[in-house]
N, C-alpha and C. Protein backbone atom coordinates (compact mmCIF):
# COMPACT_ATOMS: atom_id res chain seq x y z
N MET A 1 112.75 109.40 91.70
CA MET A 1 112.37 108.06 91.30
C MET A 1 113.09 107.72 90.00
N HIS A 2 113.52 106.48 89.91
CA HIS A 2 114.04 105.97 88.64
C HIS A 2 113.61 104.52 88.49
N LYS A 3 113.36 104.12 87.25
CA LYS A 3 112.86 102.78 86.96
C LYS A 3 113.99 101.89 86.47
N VAL A 4 113.89 100.61 86.84
CA VAL A 4 114.85 99.61 86.38
C VAL A 4 114.09 98.36 85.95
N LYS A 5 114.71 97.60 85.08
CA LYS A 5 114.19 96.28 84.69
C LYS A 5 115.11 95.27 85.35
N GLU A 6 114.53 94.45 86.19
CA GLU A 6 115.29 93.44 86.93
C GLU A 6 115.25 92.10 86.20
N LYS A 7 116.14 91.19 86.60
CA LYS A 7 116.17 89.85 86.03
C LYS A 7 115.39 88.86 86.88
N GLY A 8 115.21 89.18 88.16
CA GLY A 8 114.48 88.32 89.08
C GLY A 8 113.82 89.16 90.16
N ILE A 9 112.78 88.63 90.78
CA ILE A 9 112.07 89.39 91.81
C ILE A 9 111.89 88.61 93.10
N LEU A 10 111.84 87.30 93.05
CA LEU A 10 111.55 86.48 94.23
C LEU A 10 112.86 86.00 94.86
N SER A 11 113.07 86.32 96.13
CA SER A 11 114.30 85.91 96.82
C SER A 11 114.23 84.41 97.15
N ALA A 12 115.34 83.88 97.62
CA ALA A 12 115.40 82.47 98.00
C ALA A 12 114.43 82.14 99.13
N SER A 13 114.12 83.14 99.96
CA SER A 13 113.18 82.93 101.07
C SER A 13 111.78 83.44 100.71
N ASN A 14 111.50 83.57 99.42
CA ASN A 14 110.18 83.96 98.90
C ASN A 14 109.76 85.37 99.30
N GLY A 15 110.69 86.27 99.30
CA GLY A 15 110.40 87.68 99.56
C GLY A 15 110.46 88.48 98.27
N ILE A 16 109.66 89.53 98.20
CA ILE A 16 109.72 90.44 97.06
C ILE A 16 109.87 91.87 97.57
N ASN A 17 110.64 92.63 96.84
CA ASN A 17 110.79 94.06 97.12
C ASN A 17 110.66 94.78 95.80
N ILE A 18 109.57 95.46 95.62
CA ILE A 18 109.26 96.15 94.37
C ILE A 18 110.01 97.47 94.29
N TYR A 19 110.21 98.07 95.44
CA TYR A 19 110.90 99.36 95.50
C TYR A 19 112.18 99.22 96.31
N ARG A 20 113.19 100.01 95.97
CA ARG A 20 114.41 100.10 96.77
C ARG A 20 114.58 101.56 97.14
N GLY A 21 114.62 101.80 98.43
CA GLY A 21 114.67 103.16 98.92
C GLY A 21 113.34 103.49 99.59
N CYS A 22 113.33 104.60 100.32
CA CYS A 22 112.13 104.95 101.06
C CYS A 22 112.20 106.41 101.50
N LEU A 23 111.05 106.98 101.79
CA LEU A 23 110.99 108.36 102.25
C LEU A 23 110.51 108.48 103.69
N HIS A 24 110.22 107.36 104.36
CA HIS A 24 109.72 107.41 105.73
C HIS A 24 110.77 107.94 106.71
N GLY A 25 112.04 107.62 106.51
CA GLY A 25 113.10 108.12 107.37
C GLY A 25 113.12 107.52 108.77
N CYS A 26 112.71 106.28 108.92
CA CYS A 26 112.68 105.63 110.23
C CYS A 26 114.09 105.48 110.78
N ILE A 27 114.28 105.81 112.05
CA ILE A 27 115.60 105.75 112.65
C ILE A 27 116.08 104.31 112.84
N TYR A 28 115.19 103.35 112.88
CA TYR A 28 115.56 101.95 113.09
C TYR A 28 115.77 101.19 111.79
N CYS A 29 115.61 101.82 110.66
CA CYS A 29 115.71 101.15 109.36
C CYS A 29 117.15 100.72 109.07
N ASP A 30 117.33 99.44 108.76
CA ASP A 30 118.67 98.98 108.42
C ASP A 30 118.85 98.88 106.92
N SER A 31 117.82 99.22 106.15
CA SER A 31 117.88 99.13 104.69
C SER A 31 118.86 100.12 104.07
N ARG A 32 119.28 101.11 104.83
CA ARG A 32 120.26 102.08 104.35
C ARG A 32 121.69 101.55 104.43
N SER A 33 121.87 100.42 105.05
CA SER A 33 123.20 99.87 105.29
C SER A 33 123.99 99.66 103.99
N ASP A 34 125.27 99.91 104.06
CA ASP A 34 126.15 99.73 102.90
C ASP A 34 126.18 98.29 102.41
N CYS A 35 125.85 97.34 103.27
CA CYS A 35 125.91 95.94 102.87
C CYS A 35 124.92 95.59 101.75
N TYR A 36 123.91 96.43 101.54
CA TYR A 36 122.92 96.18 100.49
C TYR A 36 123.34 96.76 99.14
N GLN A 37 124.48 97.42 99.11
CA GLN A 37 125.11 97.91 97.88
C GLN A 37 124.19 98.74 97.00
N MET A 38 123.42 99.62 97.62
CA MET A 38 122.57 100.51 96.86
C MET A 38 123.45 101.58 96.22
N LYS A 39 123.31 101.76 94.94
CA LYS A 39 124.19 102.67 94.20
C LYS A 39 123.53 104.03 93.95
N HIS A 40 122.46 104.31 94.63
CA HIS A 40 121.76 105.59 94.49
C HIS A 40 121.37 106.07 95.88
N LYS A 41 121.00 107.34 95.97
CA LYS A 41 120.56 107.88 97.25
C LYS A 41 119.31 107.13 97.70
N PHE A 42 119.23 106.87 98.99
CA PHE A 42 118.12 106.09 99.54
C PHE A 42 116.77 106.75 99.25
N GLU A 43 116.74 108.06 99.19
CA GLU A 43 115.51 108.80 98.95
C GLU A 43 115.11 108.82 97.47
N ASP A 44 116.01 108.41 96.58
CA ASP A 44 115.72 108.29 95.14
C ASP A 44 115.20 106.87 94.92
N ILE A 45 113.90 106.71 94.94
CA ILE A 45 113.29 105.39 94.93
C ILE A 45 113.55 104.67 93.60
N GLU A 46 114.06 103.45 93.72
CA GLU A 46 114.25 102.59 92.55
C GLU A 46 112.99 101.76 92.38
N VAL A 47 112.37 101.83 91.21
CA VAL A 47 111.12 101.12 90.92
C VAL A 47 111.43 99.96 90.00
N LYS A 48 111.11 98.76 90.45
CA LYS A 48 111.30 97.57 89.62
C LYS A 48 110.05 97.43 88.75
N GLU A 49 110.06 98.10 87.62
CA GLU A 49 108.85 98.22 86.81
C GLU A 49 108.37 96.90 86.22
N ASN A 50 109.23 95.92 86.07
CA ASN A 50 108.81 94.64 85.51
C ASN A 50 108.52 93.60 86.59
N ALA A 51 108.34 94.04 87.82
CA ALA A 51 108.07 93.13 88.94
C ALA A 51 106.87 92.21 88.71
N PRO A 52 105.72 92.71 88.23
CA PRO A 52 104.59 91.80 88.04
C PRO A 52 104.88 90.67 87.05
N GLU A 53 105.55 90.97 85.97
CA GLU A 53 105.87 89.94 84.97
C GLU A 53 106.83 88.91 85.55
N LEU A 54 107.82 89.38 86.30
CA LEU A 54 108.78 88.47 86.92
C LEU A 54 108.11 87.59 87.97
N LEU A 55 107.22 88.19 88.75
CA LEU A 55 106.51 87.43 89.79
C LEU A 55 105.60 86.38 89.16
N GLU A 56 104.91 86.74 88.11
CA GLU A 56 104.04 85.79 87.40
C GLU A 56 104.85 84.58 86.92
N LYS A 57 105.99 84.86 86.33
CA LYS A 57 106.85 83.78 85.84
C LYS A 57 107.35 82.89 86.99
N ALA A 58 107.76 83.51 88.08
CA ALA A 58 108.28 82.76 89.23
C ALA A 58 107.21 81.90 89.89
N LEU A 59 106.03 82.46 90.10
CA LEU A 59 104.97 81.71 90.79
C LEU A 59 104.37 80.61 89.92
N SER A 60 104.32 80.84 88.63
CA SER A 60 103.74 79.83 87.73
C SER A 60 104.62 78.58 87.68
N SER A 61 105.88 78.70 88.02
CA SER A 61 106.78 77.54 87.97
C SER A 61 106.99 76.87 89.33
N LYS A 62 106.43 77.44 90.40
CA LYS A 62 106.57 76.83 91.73
C LYS A 62 105.67 75.60 91.83
N ARG A 63 106.19 74.56 92.46
CA ARG A 63 105.44 73.30 92.56
C ARG A 63 104.31 73.34 93.57
N LYS A 64 104.52 74.07 94.67
CA LYS A 64 103.46 74.16 95.67
C LYS A 64 103.44 75.57 96.27
N PRO A 65 102.25 76.02 96.67
CA PRO A 65 102.12 77.37 97.23
C PRO A 65 102.90 77.54 98.52
N CYS A 66 103.31 78.76 98.79
CA CYS A 66 104.02 79.11 100.02
C CYS A 66 103.62 80.54 100.39
N MET A 67 104.23 81.07 101.42
CA MET A 67 103.99 82.45 101.81
C MET A 67 104.97 83.36 101.08
N ILE A 68 104.48 84.45 100.54
CA ILE A 68 105.30 85.47 99.90
C ILE A 68 105.35 86.64 100.87
N GLY A 69 106.53 87.12 101.16
CA GLY A 69 106.68 88.25 102.08
C GLY A 69 107.12 89.50 101.35
N THR A 70 106.60 90.63 101.78
CA THR A 70 107.01 91.91 101.20
C THR A 70 107.05 92.98 102.28
N GLY A 71 107.91 93.95 102.08
CA GLY A 71 108.02 95.04 103.03
C GLY A 71 109.18 94.91 103.99
N ALA A 72 109.97 93.86 103.87
CA ALA A 72 111.10 93.68 104.78
C ALA A 72 112.25 94.62 104.45
N MET A 73 112.39 94.98 103.21
CA MET A 73 113.51 95.81 102.77
C MET A 73 113.07 97.24 102.45
N SER A 74 111.88 97.38 101.92
CA SER A 74 111.35 98.70 101.57
C SER A 74 109.83 98.62 101.61
N ASP A 75 109.20 99.66 102.09
CA ASP A 75 107.75 99.70 102.22
C ASP A 75 107.09 99.55 100.84
N PRO A 76 106.20 98.57 100.66
CA PRO A 76 105.55 98.38 99.37
C PRO A 76 104.44 99.40 99.09
N TYR A 77 104.07 100.18 100.09
CA TYR A 77 103.02 101.18 99.90
C TYR A 77 103.54 102.59 100.11
N ILE A 78 104.65 102.90 99.46
CA ILE A 78 105.16 104.27 99.45
C ILE A 78 104.20 105.12 98.62
N PRO A 79 104.21 106.42 98.74
CA PRO A 79 103.27 107.27 97.99
C PRO A 79 103.23 107.01 96.48
N LEU A 80 104.34 106.61 95.89
CA LEU A 80 104.36 106.32 94.45
C LEU A 80 103.40 105.19 94.06
N GLU A 81 103.16 104.27 94.98
CA GLU A 81 102.30 103.12 94.70
C GLU A 81 100.88 103.55 94.33
N LYS A 82 100.45 104.68 94.85
CA LYS A 82 99.10 105.16 94.54
C LYS A 82 98.90 105.32 93.04
N ASP A 83 99.92 105.78 92.34
CA ASP A 83 99.82 105.95 90.89
C ASP A 83 100.35 104.75 90.11
N LEU A 84 101.44 104.14 90.58
CA LEU A 84 102.06 103.05 89.84
C LEU A 84 101.29 101.73 89.95
N ARG A 85 100.75 101.44 91.13
CA ARG A 85 99.94 100.24 91.39
C ARG A 85 100.66 98.92 91.09
N ILE A 86 101.97 98.92 91.26
CA ILE A 86 102.74 97.70 91.01
C ILE A 86 102.49 96.67 92.10
N MET A 87 102.44 97.11 93.35
CA MET A 87 102.15 96.18 94.45
C MET A 87 100.77 95.56 94.27
N ARG A 88 99.83 96.38 93.86
CA ARG A 88 98.47 95.88 93.63
C ARG A 88 98.47 94.76 92.58
N LYS A 89 99.20 94.97 91.49
CA LYS A 89 99.29 93.95 90.44
C LYS A 89 99.94 92.68 90.99
N CYS A 90 100.97 92.84 91.80
CA CYS A 90 101.64 91.68 92.38
C CYS A 90 100.72 90.91 93.33
N LEU A 91 99.93 91.62 94.12
CA LEU A 91 98.97 90.96 95.01
C LEU A 91 97.93 90.17 94.21
N GLU A 92 97.51 90.71 93.09
CA GLU A 92 96.55 89.99 92.23
C GLU A 92 97.17 88.71 91.67
N ILE A 93 98.43 88.76 91.33
CA ILE A 93 99.14 87.57 90.82
C ILE A 93 99.29 86.54 91.93
N ILE A 94 99.64 86.98 93.12
CA ILE A 94 99.78 86.07 94.27
C ILE A 94 98.44 85.38 94.53
N GLU A 95 97.37 86.13 94.47
CA GLU A 95 96.04 85.53 94.67
C GLU A 95 95.70 84.55 93.56
N LYS A 96 96.02 84.90 92.34
CA LYS A 96 95.75 84.04 91.17
C LYS A 96 96.35 82.65 91.35
N TYR A 97 97.54 82.58 91.92
CA TYR A 97 98.22 81.30 92.11
C TYR A 97 98.00 80.70 93.50
N SER A 98 97.11 81.28 94.29
CA SER A 98 96.72 80.78 95.62
C SER A 98 97.88 80.70 96.61
N PHE A 99 98.77 81.70 96.57
CA PHE A 99 99.85 81.79 97.54
C PHE A 99 99.39 82.68 98.69
N GLY A 100 100.01 82.49 99.84
CA GLY A 100 99.76 83.39 100.97
C GLY A 100 100.68 84.59 100.85
N VAL A 101 100.37 85.64 101.60
CA VAL A 101 101.20 86.84 101.52
C VAL A 101 101.21 87.57 102.86
N THR A 102 102.36 88.16 103.18
CA THR A 102 102.46 89.05 104.33
C THR A 102 102.94 90.40 103.79
N VAL A 103 102.36 91.46 104.32
CA VAL A 103 102.71 92.81 103.88
C VAL A 103 103.06 93.64 105.11
N HIS A 104 104.30 94.15 105.14
CA HIS A 104 104.71 95.06 106.21
C HIS A 104 104.73 96.45 105.63
N THR A 105 103.98 97.35 106.25
CA THR A 105 103.90 98.73 105.75
C THR A 105 103.68 99.69 106.90
N LYS A 106 104.11 100.93 106.70
CA LYS A 106 103.80 102.01 107.62
C LYS A 106 102.65 102.85 107.08
N SER A 107 102.24 102.54 105.87
CA SER A 107 101.21 103.32 105.20
C SER A 107 99.82 102.94 105.71
N SER A 108 98.89 103.84 105.56
CA SER A 108 97.51 103.53 105.94
C SER A 108 96.85 102.70 104.85
């Protein structure tokens, strides 16, 4: 695991990815593709530690609520989430601003 500070968190299509990389090893995963320009091993999870602050800033400036999607690029509930709780903080922010959310995960 390694932590990074990002400049933005919300994609143009209102998606968020708190983590880059994964340990599930799904054979159908396209997130390993070279087109995503990941500069580290896929199994070395990149943690966007400032994601909640970035999300708060992004949602507070949106004019109307929309759906926020997560889990399309990397599972938001990887084992690290149990201790880091970054996804949990982001869900609380999404609720605070009355946005909808979709979560794709393989985790229980």
